[in-house]
Amino acid sequence: MGPSGCGKSTLLNLLSGKLSPHHGSICLNGKPGSVRELHKLIAFVPQDDIMLSSLTVMELLWFSAVMRLPANLPRAQRIAWVHMIIDLLGLTQQRHTVVGDVNKRGLSGGQRKRVNVGIELVADPSLIFLDEPTSGLDSTSSLELMQCLHRLSTFGVAVCAVLHQPRLQVFELAHQLLL
């Protein structure tokens, strides 16, 4: 957390491997290395939506699962995994809803953000980076999203997010804070 322009997103991009450092080095478990070596364990959710607005929640997550999970994973397991992610994100009732956009009615802003997170979660990462996931959301939607991420952390996934001016209830969901 920090004021605008202080480098929060830049730090997140460095930690996630989206940027390479100009100076210094990166160590993984105390040994020099590159985050890119761990790309299959890391997920990154950008600030802006990255999904096709004409697809349903299930279609988007299914496509991501087909593209990112091991090819030898049985179809039934893939389907069960996608359903579990949908349930974890609190999108069970919206499973067959078209995402939509400004021209076509669909999901709410908070639900769209949770779908964005789900697209990355179906790859079963150990660490997920989120660049200002609550930006543009009202306080209730922000809280719902952060509660989903908090729930996710109880399953052993490390969650690292840049937050801009969170309300107290959102702030209290964080386990650690870097200012």
N, C-alpha and C. Protein backbone atom coordinates (compact mmCIF):
# COMPACT_ATOMS: atom_id res chain seq x y z
N MET A 1 0.85 -1.18 0.00
CA MET A 1 0.00 0.00 0.00
C MET A 1 0.89 1.23 0.00
N GLY A 2 0.43 2.27 -0.63
CA GLY A 2 1.15 3.53 -0.67
C GLY A 2 0.46 4.50 -1.60
N PRO A 3 0.93 5.73 -1.63
CA PRO A 3 0.29 6.75 -2.47
C PRO A 3 0.51 6.48 -3.96
N SER A 4 -0.29 7.14 -4.78
CA SER A 4 -0.15 7.01 -6.23
C SER A 4 1.26 7.38 -6.67
N GLY A 5 1.81 6.59 -7.58
CA GLY A 5 3.13 6.89 -8.14
C GLY A 5 4.31 6.43 -7.30
N CYS A 6 4.07 5.71 -6.19
CA CYS A 6 5.19 5.31 -5.33
C CYS A 6 5.85 4.01 -5.78
N GLY A 7 5.31 3.34 -6.79
CA GLY A 7 5.95 2.13 -7.31
C GLY A 7 5.30 0.83 -6.91
N LYS A 8 4.07 0.87 -6.42
CA LYS A 8 3.40 -0.37 -6.00
C LYS A 8 3.25 -1.35 -7.16
N SER A 9 2.72 -0.89 -8.27
CA SER A 9 2.51 -1.77 -9.42
C SER A 9 3.84 -2.20 -10.02
N THR A 10 4.82 -1.32 -10.02
CA THR A 10 6.15 -1.68 -10.53
C THR A 10 6.76 -2.80 -9.69
N LEU A 11 6.65 -2.69 -8.37
CA LEU A 11 7.16 -3.74 -7.49
C LEU A 11 6.43 -5.06 -7.77
N LEU A 12 5.12 -5.01 -7.92
CA LEU A 12 4.34 -6.21 -8.21
C LEU A 12 4.77 -6.83 -9.53
N ASN A 13 5.00 -5.99 -10.54
CA ASN A 13 5.46 -6.49 -11.84
C ASN A 13 6.84 -7.11 -11.75
N LEU A 14 7.72 -6.56 -10.92
CA LEU A 14 9.04 -7.15 -10.71
C LEU A 14 8.93 -8.49 -10.00
N LEU A 15 8.14 -8.53 -8.94
CA LEU A 15 8.01 -9.77 -8.16
C LEU A 15 7.37 -10.89 -8.98
N SER A 16 6.47 -10.52 -9.87
CA SER A 16 5.76 -11.53 -10.67
C SER A 16 6.52 -11.94 -11.93
N GLY A 17 7.61 -11.25 -12.24
CA GLY A 17 8.40 -11.58 -13.42
C GLY A 17 7.94 -10.89 -14.68
N LYS A 18 6.99 -9.97 -14.57
CA LYS A 18 6.52 -9.22 -15.74
C LYS A 18 7.57 -8.20 -16.18
N LEU A 19 8.39 -7.74 -15.23
CA LEU A 19 9.50 -6.82 -15.51
C LEU A 19 10.79 -7.44 -15.02
N SER A 20 11.90 -7.08 -15.63
CA SER A 20 13.21 -7.51 -15.15
C SER A 20 13.88 -6.34 -14.45
N PRO A 21 14.60 -6.61 -13.36
CA PRO A 21 15.26 -5.51 -12.64
C PRO A 21 16.40 -4.92 -13.45
N HIS A 22 16.57 -3.59 -13.35
CA HIS A 22 17.68 -2.92 -14.01
C HIS A 22 18.95 -3.02 -13.17
N HIS A 23 18.76 -3.07 -11.86
CA HIS A 23 19.88 -3.16 -10.92
C HIS A 23 19.56 -4.23 -9.88
N GLY A 24 20.59 -4.78 -9.27
CA GLY A 24 20.38 -5.75 -8.20
C GLY A 24 20.08 -7.13 -8.73
N SER A 25 19.64 -7.98 -7.82
CA SER A 25 19.35 -9.36 -8.20
C SER A 25 18.13 -9.85 -7.44
N ILE A 26 17.57 -10.92 -7.93
CA ILE A 26 16.42 -11.56 -7.30
C ILE A 26 16.87 -12.91 -6.80
N CYS A 27 16.51 -13.21 -5.55
CA CYS A 27 16.82 -14.50 -4.96
C CYS A 27 15.53 -15.26 -4.68
N LEU A 28 15.57 -16.54 -4.95
CA LEU A 28 14.45 -17.43 -4.66
C LEU A 28 14.90 -18.40 -3.59
N ASN A 29 14.26 -18.33 -2.44
CA ASN A 29 14.67 -19.15 -1.29
C ASN A 29 16.15 -18.96 -0.98
N GLY A 30 16.61 -17.71 -1.08
CA GLY A 30 17.98 -17.37 -0.72
C GLY A 30 19.01 -17.63 -1.80
N LYS A 31 18.61 -18.13 -2.97
CA LYS A 31 19.54 -18.43 -4.05
C LYS A 31 19.21 -17.57 -5.26
N PRO A 32 20.23 -17.05 -5.94
CA PRO A 32 19.96 -16.25 -7.14
C PRO A 32 19.14 -17.05 -8.15
N GLY A 33 18.17 -16.38 -8.74
CA GLY A 33 17.31 -17.06 -9.70
C GLY A 33 16.41 -16.07 -10.40
N SER A 34 15.55 -16.60 -11.21
CA SER A 34 14.60 -15.78 -11.95
C SER A 34 13.19 -16.25 -11.65
N VAL A 35 12.29 -15.30 -11.47
CA VAL A 35 10.90 -15.64 -11.23
C VAL A 35 10.31 -16.37 -12.43
N ARG A 36 10.85 -16.10 -13.60
CA ARG A 36 10.36 -16.75 -14.81
C ARG A 36 10.52 -18.27 -14.76
N GLU A 37 11.48 -18.74 -13.93
CA GLU A 37 11.65 -20.19 -13.76
C GLU A 37 10.42 -20.81 -13.10
N LEU A 38 9.66 -20.00 -12.38
CA LEU A 38 8.51 -20.49 -11.63
C LEU A 38 7.18 -20.10 -12.27
N HIS A 39 7.20 -19.76 -13.55
CA HIS A 39 6.00 -19.21 -14.19
C HIS A 39 4.77 -20.11 -14.07
N LYS A 40 4.95 -21.42 -13.96
CA LYS A 40 3.78 -22.30 -13.85
C LYS A 40 3.17 -22.27 -12.45
N LEU A 41 3.89 -21.74 -11.50
CA LEU A 41 3.40 -21.67 -10.13
C LEU A 41 2.79 -20.31 -9.80
N ILE A 42 2.96 -19.35 -10.70
CA ILE A 42 2.56 -17.96 -10.44
C ILE A 42 1.44 -17.53 -11.38
N ALA A 43 0.46 -16.83 -10.81
CA ALA A 43 -0.62 -16.25 -11.61
C ALA A 43 -0.58 -14.74 -11.43
N PHE A 44 -1.02 -14.01 -12.44
CA PHE A 44 -1.04 -12.54 -12.40
C PHE A 44 -2.38 -12.05 -12.91
N VAL A 45 -3.08 -11.27 -12.09
CA VAL A 45 -4.36 -10.69 -12.49
C VAL A 45 -4.14 -9.20 -12.68
N PRO A 46 -4.23 -8.72 -13.92
CA PRO A 46 -4.03 -7.29 -14.17
C PRO A 46 -5.20 -6.46 -13.67
N GLN A 47 -4.99 -5.17 -13.61
CA GLN A 47 -6.01 -4.25 -13.12
C GLN A 47 -7.23 -4.23 -14.04
N ASP A 48 -7.01 -4.31 -15.34
CA ASP A 48 -8.10 -4.24 -16.31
C ASP A 48 -8.61 -5.63 -16.66
N ASP A 49 -9.90 -5.71 -16.98
CA ASP A 49 -10.50 -6.98 -17.39
C ASP A 49 -9.85 -7.48 -18.67
N ILE A 50 -9.70 -8.80 -18.75
CA ILE A 50 -9.03 -9.40 -19.91
C ILE A 50 -9.88 -10.50 -20.54
N MET A 51 -11.19 -10.41 -20.42
CA MET A 51 -12.02 -11.52 -20.87
C MET A 51 -12.95 -11.15 -22.02
N LEU A 52 -13.37 -12.16 -22.73
CA LEU A 52 -14.33 -11.98 -23.81
C LEU A 52 -15.71 -11.79 -23.21
N SER A 53 -16.33 -10.68 -23.50
CA SER A 53 -17.60 -10.32 -22.88
C SER A 53 -18.78 -11.15 -23.38
N SER A 54 -18.62 -11.86 -24.47
CA SER A 54 -19.73 -12.64 -25.04
C SER A 54 -19.82 -14.06 -24.48
N LEU A 55 -18.86 -14.45 -23.64
CA LEU A 55 -18.86 -15.80 -23.07
C LEU A 55 -19.46 -15.81 -21.67
N THR A 56 -19.88 -16.98 -21.23
CA THR A 56 -20.40 -17.13 -19.86
C THR A 56 -19.23 -17.37 -18.91
N VAL A 57 -19.51 -17.29 -17.63
CA VAL A 57 -18.50 -17.55 -16.60
C VAL A 57 -17.91 -18.94 -16.81
N MET A 58 -18.77 -19.93 -16.96
CA MET A 58 -18.32 -21.32 -17.14
C MET A 58 -17.46 -21.47 -18.40
N GLU A 59 -17.87 -20.85 -19.50
CA GLU A 59 -17.11 -20.96 -20.74
C GLU A 59 -15.72 -20.35 -20.60
N LEU A 60 -15.63 -19.20 -19.95
CA LEU A 60 -14.33 -18.55 -19.77
C LEU A 60 -13.39 -19.40 -18.91
N LEU A 61 -13.91 -19.89 -17.79
CA LEU A 61 -13.06 -20.69 -16.90
C LEU A 61 -12.72 -22.03 -17.52
N TRP A 62 -13.67 -22.62 -18.25
CA TRP A 62 -13.40 -23.89 -18.92
C TRP A 62 -12.30 -23.73 -19.96
N PHE A 63 -12.38 -22.68 -20.76
CA PHE A 63 -11.36 -22.44 -21.78
C PHE A 63 -9.98 -22.27 -21.14
N SER A 64 -9.92 -21.50 -20.06
CA SER A 64 -8.65 -21.30 -19.36
C SER A 64 -8.12 -22.63 -18.81
N ALA A 65 -9.02 -23.44 -18.27
CA ALA A 65 -8.60 -24.74 -17.72
C ALA A 65 -8.07 -25.66 -18.81
N VAL A 66 -8.73 -25.69 -19.96
CA VAL A 66 -8.29 -26.55 -21.06
C VAL A 66 -6.91 -26.11 -21.55
N MET A 67 -6.69 -24.82 -21.60
CA MET A 67 -5.42 -24.30 -22.11
C MET A 67 -4.27 -24.42 -21.11
N ARG A 68 -4.56 -24.43 -19.81
CA ARG A 68 -3.50 -24.29 -18.83
C ARG A 68 -3.27 -25.49 -17.92
N LEU A 69 -4.23 -26.36 -17.79
CA LEU A 69 -4.03 -27.55 -16.96
C LEU A 69 -3.37 -28.65 -17.80
N PRO A 70 -2.74 -29.62 -17.15
CA PRO A 70 -2.08 -30.70 -17.91
C PRO A 70 -3.06 -31.38 -18.87
N ALA A 71 -2.57 -31.68 -20.06
CA ALA A 71 -3.41 -32.27 -21.11
C ALA A 71 -3.93 -33.65 -20.72
N ASN A 72 -3.20 -34.35 -19.86
CA ASN A 72 -3.62 -35.71 -19.48
C ASN A 72 -4.62 -35.73 -18.32
N LEU A 73 -5.02 -34.57 -17.83
CA LEU A 73 -6.01 -34.51 -16.75
C LEU A 73 -7.38 -34.90 -17.32
N PRO A 74 -8.03 -35.89 -16.73
CA PRO A 74 -9.33 -36.33 -17.25
C PRO A 74 -10.37 -35.20 -17.26
N ARG A 75 -11.24 -35.25 -18.26
CA ARG A 75 -12.27 -34.22 -18.44
C ARG A 75 -13.12 -34.04 -17.17
N ALA A 76 -13.50 -35.14 -16.53
CA ALA A 76 -14.33 -35.06 -15.33
C ALA A 76 -13.63 -34.29 -14.21
N GLN A 77 -12.33 -34.50 -14.07
CA GLN A 77 -11.56 -33.78 -13.05
C GLN A 77 -11.46 -32.29 -13.39
N ARG A 78 -11.29 -32.01 -14.67
CA ARG A 78 -11.24 -30.62 -15.13
C ARG A 78 -12.55 -29.89 -14.81
N ILE A 79 -13.66 -30.55 -15.13
CA ILE A 79 -14.98 -29.96 -14.88
C ILE A 79 -15.17 -29.74 -13.38
N ALA A 80 -14.83 -30.74 -12.59
CA ALA A 80 -14.96 -30.60 -11.13
C ALA A 80 -14.11 -29.45 -10.61
N TRP A 81 -12.91 -29.30 -11.15
CA TRP A 81 -12.00 -28.21 -10.73
C TRP A 81 -12.61 -26.85 -11.07
N VAL A 82 -13.13 -26.70 -12.27
CA VAL A 82 -13.73 -25.44 -12.68
C VAL A 82 -14.93 -25.12 -11.79
N HIS A 83 -15.76 -26.11 -11.50
CA HIS A 83 -16.93 -25.90 -10.63
C HIS A 83 -16.49 -25.49 -9.23
N MET A 84 -15.42 -26.10 -8.72
CA MET A 84 -14.92 -25.74 -7.40
C MET A 84 -14.44 -24.28 -7.36
N ILE A 85 -13.74 -23.84 -8.41
CA ILE A 85 -13.26 -22.46 -8.48
C ILE A 85 -14.45 -21.50 -8.54
N ILE A 86 -15.46 -21.84 -9.33
CA ILE A 86 -16.66 -21.00 -9.43
C ILE A 86 -17.33 -20.88 -8.06
N ASP A 87 -17.44 -22.00 -7.35
CA ASP A 87 -18.05 -21.98 -6.02
C ASP A 87 -17.21 -21.16 -5.04
N LEU A 88 -15.89 -21.34 -5.08
CA LEU A 88 -14.98 -20.60 -4.19
C LEU A 88 -15.13 -19.09 -4.40
N LEU A 89 -15.33 -18.68 -5.63
CA LEU A 89 -15.45 -17.26 -5.96
C LEU A 89 -16.86 -16.71 -5.73
N GLY A 90 -17.77 -17.56 -5.28
CA GLY A 90 -19.13 -17.11 -5.01
C GLY A 90 -19.91 -16.78 -6.27
N LEU A 91 -19.62 -17.49 -7.35
CA LEU A 91 -20.27 -17.23 -8.64
C LEU A 91 -21.16 -18.38 -9.10
N THR A 92 -21.57 -19.23 -8.17
CA THR A 92 -22.37 -20.41 -8.52
C THR A 92 -23.66 -20.01 -9.25
N GLN A 93 -24.35 -19.01 -8.75
CA GLN A 93 -25.61 -18.59 -9.37
C GLN A 93 -25.39 -17.94 -10.74
N GLN A 94 -24.19 -17.41 -10.99
CA GLN A 94 -23.88 -16.72 -12.25
C GLN A 94 -23.13 -17.63 -13.22
N ARG A 95 -23.02 -18.89 -12.93
CA ARG A 95 -22.24 -19.85 -13.73
C ARG A 95 -22.55 -19.76 -15.23
N HIS A 96 -23.81 -19.59 -15.57
CA HIS A 96 -24.21 -19.59 -16.99
C HIS A 96 -24.59 -18.19 -17.47
N THR A 97 -24.15 -17.16 -16.75
CA THR A 97 -24.43 -15.77 -17.13
C THR A 97 -23.32 -15.27 -18.05
N VAL A 98 -23.72 -14.57 -19.10
CA VAL A 98 -22.76 -13.94 -20.01
C VAL A 98 -22.07 -12.81 -19.25
N VAL A 99 -20.76 -12.68 -19.42
CA VAL A 99 -19.99 -11.66 -18.71
C VAL A 99 -20.50 -10.27 -19.04
N GLY A 100 -20.68 -9.97 -20.32
CA GLY A 100 -21.20 -8.67 -20.72
C GLY A 100 -20.15 -7.57 -20.69
N ASP A 101 -20.58 -6.38 -21.10
CA ASP A 101 -19.70 -5.19 -21.10
C ASP A 101 -20.59 -3.95 -21.03
N VAL A 102 -20.04 -2.80 -21.39
CA VAL A 102 -20.82 -1.56 -21.31
C VAL A 102 -21.99 -1.56 -22.28
N ASN A 103 -21.92 -2.32 -23.36
CA ASN A 103 -23.00 -2.36 -24.36
C ASN A 103 -23.99 -3.51 -24.12
N LYS A 104 -23.54 -4.56 -23.46
CA LYS A 104 -24.39 -5.74 -23.25
C LYS A 104 -24.42 -6.07 -21.77
N ARG A 105 -25.61 -6.08 -21.19
CA ARG A 105 -25.78 -6.34 -19.77
C ARG A 105 -25.28 -7.74 -19.42
N GLY A 106 -24.61 -7.83 -18.27
CA GLY A 106 -24.09 -9.12 -17.82
C GLY A 106 -23.81 -9.07 -16.34
N LEU A 107 -22.62 -9.45 -15.95
CA LEU A 107 -22.22 -9.48 -14.55
C LEU A 107 -21.99 -8.08 -14.00
N SER A 108 -22.03 -7.98 -12.67
CA SER A 108 -21.67 -6.72 -12.01
C SER A 108 -20.16 -6.56 -12.05
N GLY A 109 -19.67 -5.39 -11.69
CA GLY A 109 -18.23 -5.14 -11.70
C GLY A 109 -17.47 -6.07 -10.77
N GLY A 110 -18.02 -6.30 -9.57
CA GLY A 110 -17.37 -7.20 -8.62
C GLY A 110 -17.34 -8.64 -9.11
N GLN A 111 -18.42 -9.07 -9.74
CA GLN A 111 -18.46 -10.43 -10.29
C GLN A 111 -17.46 -10.57 -11.43
N ARG A 112 -17.35 -9.54 -12.26
CA ARG A 112 -16.37 -9.56 -13.36
C ARG A 112 -14.95 -9.70 -12.82
N LYS A 113 -14.64 -8.97 -11.75
CA LYS A 113 -13.31 -9.07 -11.14
C LYS A 113 -13.05 -10.48 -10.64
N ARG A 114 -14.08 -11.09 -10.03
CA ARG A 114 -13.91 -12.45 -9.52
C ARG A 114 -13.71 -13.44 -10.67
N VAL A 115 -14.35 -13.22 -11.81
CA VAL A 115 -14.12 -14.07 -12.98
C VAL A 115 -12.68 -13.90 -13.46
N ASN A 116 -12.19 -12.66 -13.48
CA ASN A 116 -10.79 -12.40 -13.85
C ASN A 116 -9.84 -13.19 -12.97
N VAL A 117 -10.12 -13.21 -11.67
CA VAL A 117 -9.31 -13.98 -10.73
C VAL A 117 -9.43 -15.47 -11.05
N GLY A 118 -10.65 -15.91 -11.33
CA GLY A 118 -10.89 -17.33 -11.64
C GLY A 118 -10.15 -17.82 -12.86
N ILE A 119 -10.02 -16.97 -13.86
CA ILE A 119 -9.29 -17.34 -15.08
C ILE A 119 -7.85 -17.73 -14.73
N GLU A 120 -7.28 -17.06 -13.76
CA GLU A 120 -5.92 -17.40 -13.32
C GLU A 120 -5.92 -18.58 -12.34
N LEU A 121 -6.93 -18.65 -11.48
CA LEU A 121 -6.96 -19.70 -10.47
C LEU A 121 -7.10 -21.10 -11.04
N VAL A 122 -7.76 -21.24 -12.18
CA VAL A 122 -7.94 -22.59 -12.74
C VAL A 122 -6.60 -23.23 -13.11
N ALA A 123 -5.56 -22.44 -13.23
CA ALA A 123 -4.23 -22.99 -13.53
C ALA A 123 -3.56 -23.56 -12.28
N ASP A 124 -4.23 -23.46 -11.13
CA ASP A 124 -3.76 -24.01 -9.85
C ASP A 124 -2.41 -23.43 -9.42
N PRO A 125 -2.32 -22.09 -9.33
CA PRO A 125 -1.05 -21.47 -8.92
C PRO A 125 -0.80 -21.61 -7.42
N SER A 126 0.45 -21.49 -7.04
CA SER A 126 0.81 -21.45 -5.62
C SER A 126 0.85 -20.01 -5.11
N LEU A 127 1.01 -19.07 -6.04
CA LEU A 127 1.12 -17.65 -5.71
C LEU A 127 0.35 -16.86 -6.76
N ILE A 128 -0.50 -15.94 -6.29
CA ILE A 128 -1.25 -15.11 -7.22
C ILE A 128 -1.00 -13.64 -6.90
N PHE A 129 -0.64 -12.89 -7.93
CA PHE A 129 -0.42 -11.45 -7.83
C PHE A 129 -1.63 -10.74 -8.43
N LEU A 130 -2.12 -9.70 -7.75
CA LEU A 130 -3.27 -8.94 -8.24
C LEU A 130 -2.92 -7.46 -8.20
N ASP A 131 -3.02 -6.80 -9.34
CA ASP A 131 -2.72 -5.37 -9.44
C ASP A 131 -4.01 -4.58 -9.26
N GLU A 132 -4.17 -3.99 -8.11
CA GLU A 132 -5.33 -3.17 -7.74
C GLU A 132 -6.66 -3.83 -8.10
N PRO A 133 -6.92 -5.02 -7.53
CA PRO A 133 -8.15 -5.74 -7.88
C PRO A 133 -9.44 -5.03 -7.46
N THR A 134 -9.36 -4.13 -6.49
CA THR A 134 -10.58 -3.47 -6.01
C THR A 134 -10.83 -2.12 -6.68
N SER A 135 -9.93 -1.68 -7.55
CA SER A 135 -10.13 -0.40 -8.23
C SER A 135 -11.39 -0.43 -9.07
N GLY A 136 -12.19 0.62 -8.95
CA GLY A 136 -13.42 0.74 -9.72
C GLY A 136 -14.61 0.03 -9.10
N LEU A 137 -14.40 -0.65 -7.98
CA LEU A 137 -15.50 -1.35 -7.33
C LEU A 137 -16.05 -0.53 -6.17
N ASP A 138 -17.34 -0.72 -5.88
CA ASP A 138 -17.89 -0.07 -4.70
C ASP A 138 -17.40 -0.83 -3.46
N SER A 139 -17.67 -0.29 -2.29
CA SER A 139 -17.11 -0.87 -1.07
C SER A 139 -17.61 -2.29 -0.80
N THR A 140 -18.86 -2.57 -1.13
CA THR A 140 -19.40 -3.92 -0.92
C THR A 140 -18.74 -4.93 -1.85
N SER A 141 -18.60 -4.56 -3.13
CA SER A 141 -17.96 -5.46 -4.10
C SER A 141 -16.49 -5.68 -3.75
N SER A 142 -15.82 -4.63 -3.28
CA SER A 142 -14.42 -4.75 -2.86
C SER A 142 -14.29 -5.74 -1.71
N LEU A 143 -15.19 -5.62 -0.74
CA LEU A 143 -15.16 -6.53 0.40
C LEU A 143 -15.42 -7.97 -0.03
N GLU A 144 -16.40 -8.19 -0.92
CA GLU A 144 -16.69 -9.54 -1.40
C GLU A 144 -15.49 -10.16 -2.10
N LEU A 145 -14.82 -9.37 -2.93
CA LEU A 145 -13.64 -9.85 -3.64
C LEU A 145 -12.53 -10.20 -2.65
N MET A 146 -12.29 -9.32 -1.70
CA MET A 146 -11.21 -9.57 -0.74
C MET A 146 -11.54 -10.75 0.17
N GLN A 147 -12.80 -10.97 0.47
CA GLN A 147 -13.18 -12.15 1.25
C GLN A 147 -12.90 -13.42 0.45
N CYS A 148 -13.14 -13.38 -0.85
CA CYS A 148 -12.81 -14.53 -1.72
C CYS A 148 -11.31 -14.79 -1.71
N LEU A 149 -10.51 -13.73 -1.81
CA LEU A 149 -9.05 -13.89 -1.80
C LEU A 149 -8.57 -14.39 -0.44
N HIS A 150 -9.21 -13.92 0.63
CA HIS A 150 -8.86 -14.39 1.97
C HIS A 150 -9.17 -15.88 2.09
N ARG A 151 -10.34 -16.30 1.58
CA ARG A 151 -10.71 -17.71 1.58
C ARG A 151 -9.69 -18.53 0.78
N LEU A 152 -9.28 -17.97 -0.34
CA LEU A 152 -8.29 -18.63 -1.19
C LEU A 152 -6.99 -18.88 -0.43
N SER A 153 -6.59 -17.91 0.38
CA SER A 153 -5.34 -18.06 1.14
C SER A 153 -5.43 -19.19 2.16
N THR A 154 -6.63 -19.54 2.60
CA THR A 154 -6.77 -20.65 3.55
C THR A 154 -6.53 -22.00 2.87
N PHE A 155 -6.53 -22.03 1.53
CA PHE A 155 -6.25 -23.25 0.77
C PHE A 155 -4.77 -23.36 0.42
N GLY A 156 -3.94 -22.47 0.97
CA GLY A 156 -2.51 -22.56 0.74
C GLY A 156 -1.98 -21.76 -0.43
N VAL A 157 -2.81 -20.94 -1.04
CA VAL A 157 -2.35 -20.09 -2.14
C VAL A 157 -1.92 -18.75 -1.54
N ALA A 158 -0.69 -18.34 -1.83
CA ALA A 158 -0.22 -17.04 -1.36
C ALA A 158 -0.82 -15.96 -2.25
N VAL A 159 -1.40 -14.94 -1.64
CA VAL A 159 -2.06 -13.86 -2.36
C VAL A 159 -1.29 -12.58 -2.10
N CYS A 160 -0.85 -11.93 -3.17
CA CYS A 160 -0.12 -10.66 -3.07
C CYS A 160 -0.86 -9.64 -3.92
N ALA A 161 -1.37 -8.59 -3.29
CA ALA A 161 -2.19 -7.62 -4.02
C ALA A 161 -1.79 -6.19 -3.68
N VAL A 162 -1.89 -5.32 -4.67
CA VAL A 162 -1.75 -3.89 -4.48
C VAL A 162 -3.16 -3.37 -4.21
N LEU A 163 -3.35 -2.70 -3.08
CA LEU A 163 -4.66 -2.15 -2.74
C LEU A 163 -4.56 -0.64 -2.64
N HIS A 164 -5.56 0.02 -3.17
CA HIS A 164 -5.58 1.48 -3.13
C HIS A 164 -6.70 1.92 -2.20
N GLN A 165 -6.35 2.52 -1.09
CA GLN A 165 -7.28 3.06 -0.09
C GLN A 165 -8.38 2.09 0.30
N PRO A 166 -8.01 0.94 0.88
CA PRO A 166 -9.05 -0.02 1.29
C PRO A 166 -9.79 0.48 2.53
N ARG A 167 -11.06 0.09 2.64
CA ARG A 167 -11.79 0.42 3.86
C ARG A 167 -11.31 -0.52 4.96
N LEU A 168 -11.66 -0.22 6.20
CA LEU A 168 -11.14 -0.95 7.35
C LEU A 168 -11.40 -2.45 7.26
N GLN A 169 -12.61 -2.86 6.88
CA GLN A 169 -12.93 -4.29 6.81
C GLN A 169 -12.06 -5.02 5.79
N VAL A 170 -11.74 -4.37 4.69
CA VAL A 170 -10.85 -4.95 3.68
C VAL A 170 -9.43 -5.01 4.22
N PHE A 171 -8.99 -3.93 4.83
CA PHE A 171 -7.65 -3.85 5.41
C PHE A 171 -7.42 -4.97 6.43
N GLU A 172 -8.43 -5.24 7.24
CA GLU A 172 -8.30 -6.24 8.30
C GLU A 172 -8.20 -7.67 7.76
N LEU A 173 -8.52 -7.89 6.49
CA LEU A 173 -8.41 -9.22 5.89
C LEU A 173 -6.96 -9.55 5.52
N ALA A 174 -6.10 -8.56 5.48
CA ALA A 174 -4.70 -8.79 5.09
C ALA A 174 -3.94 -9.45 6.25
N HIS A 175 -3.09 -10.41 5.89
CA HIS A 175 -2.25 -11.06 6.90
C HIS A 175 -0.97 -10.27 7.14
N GLN A 176 -0.43 -9.70 6.08
CA GLN A 176 0.79 -8.90 6.18
C GLN A 176 0.64 -7.68 5.29
N LEU A 177 1.39 -6.63 5.65
CA LEU A 177 1.28 -5.38 4.91
C LEU A 177 2.66 -4.82 4.64
N LEU A 178 2.90 -4.40 3.42
CA LEU A 178 4.13 -3.73 3.03
C LEU A 178 3.76 -2.31 2.64
N LEU A 179 4.29 -1.33 3.34
CA LEU A 179 4.03 0.07 3.04
C LEU A 179 5.21 0.66 2.29
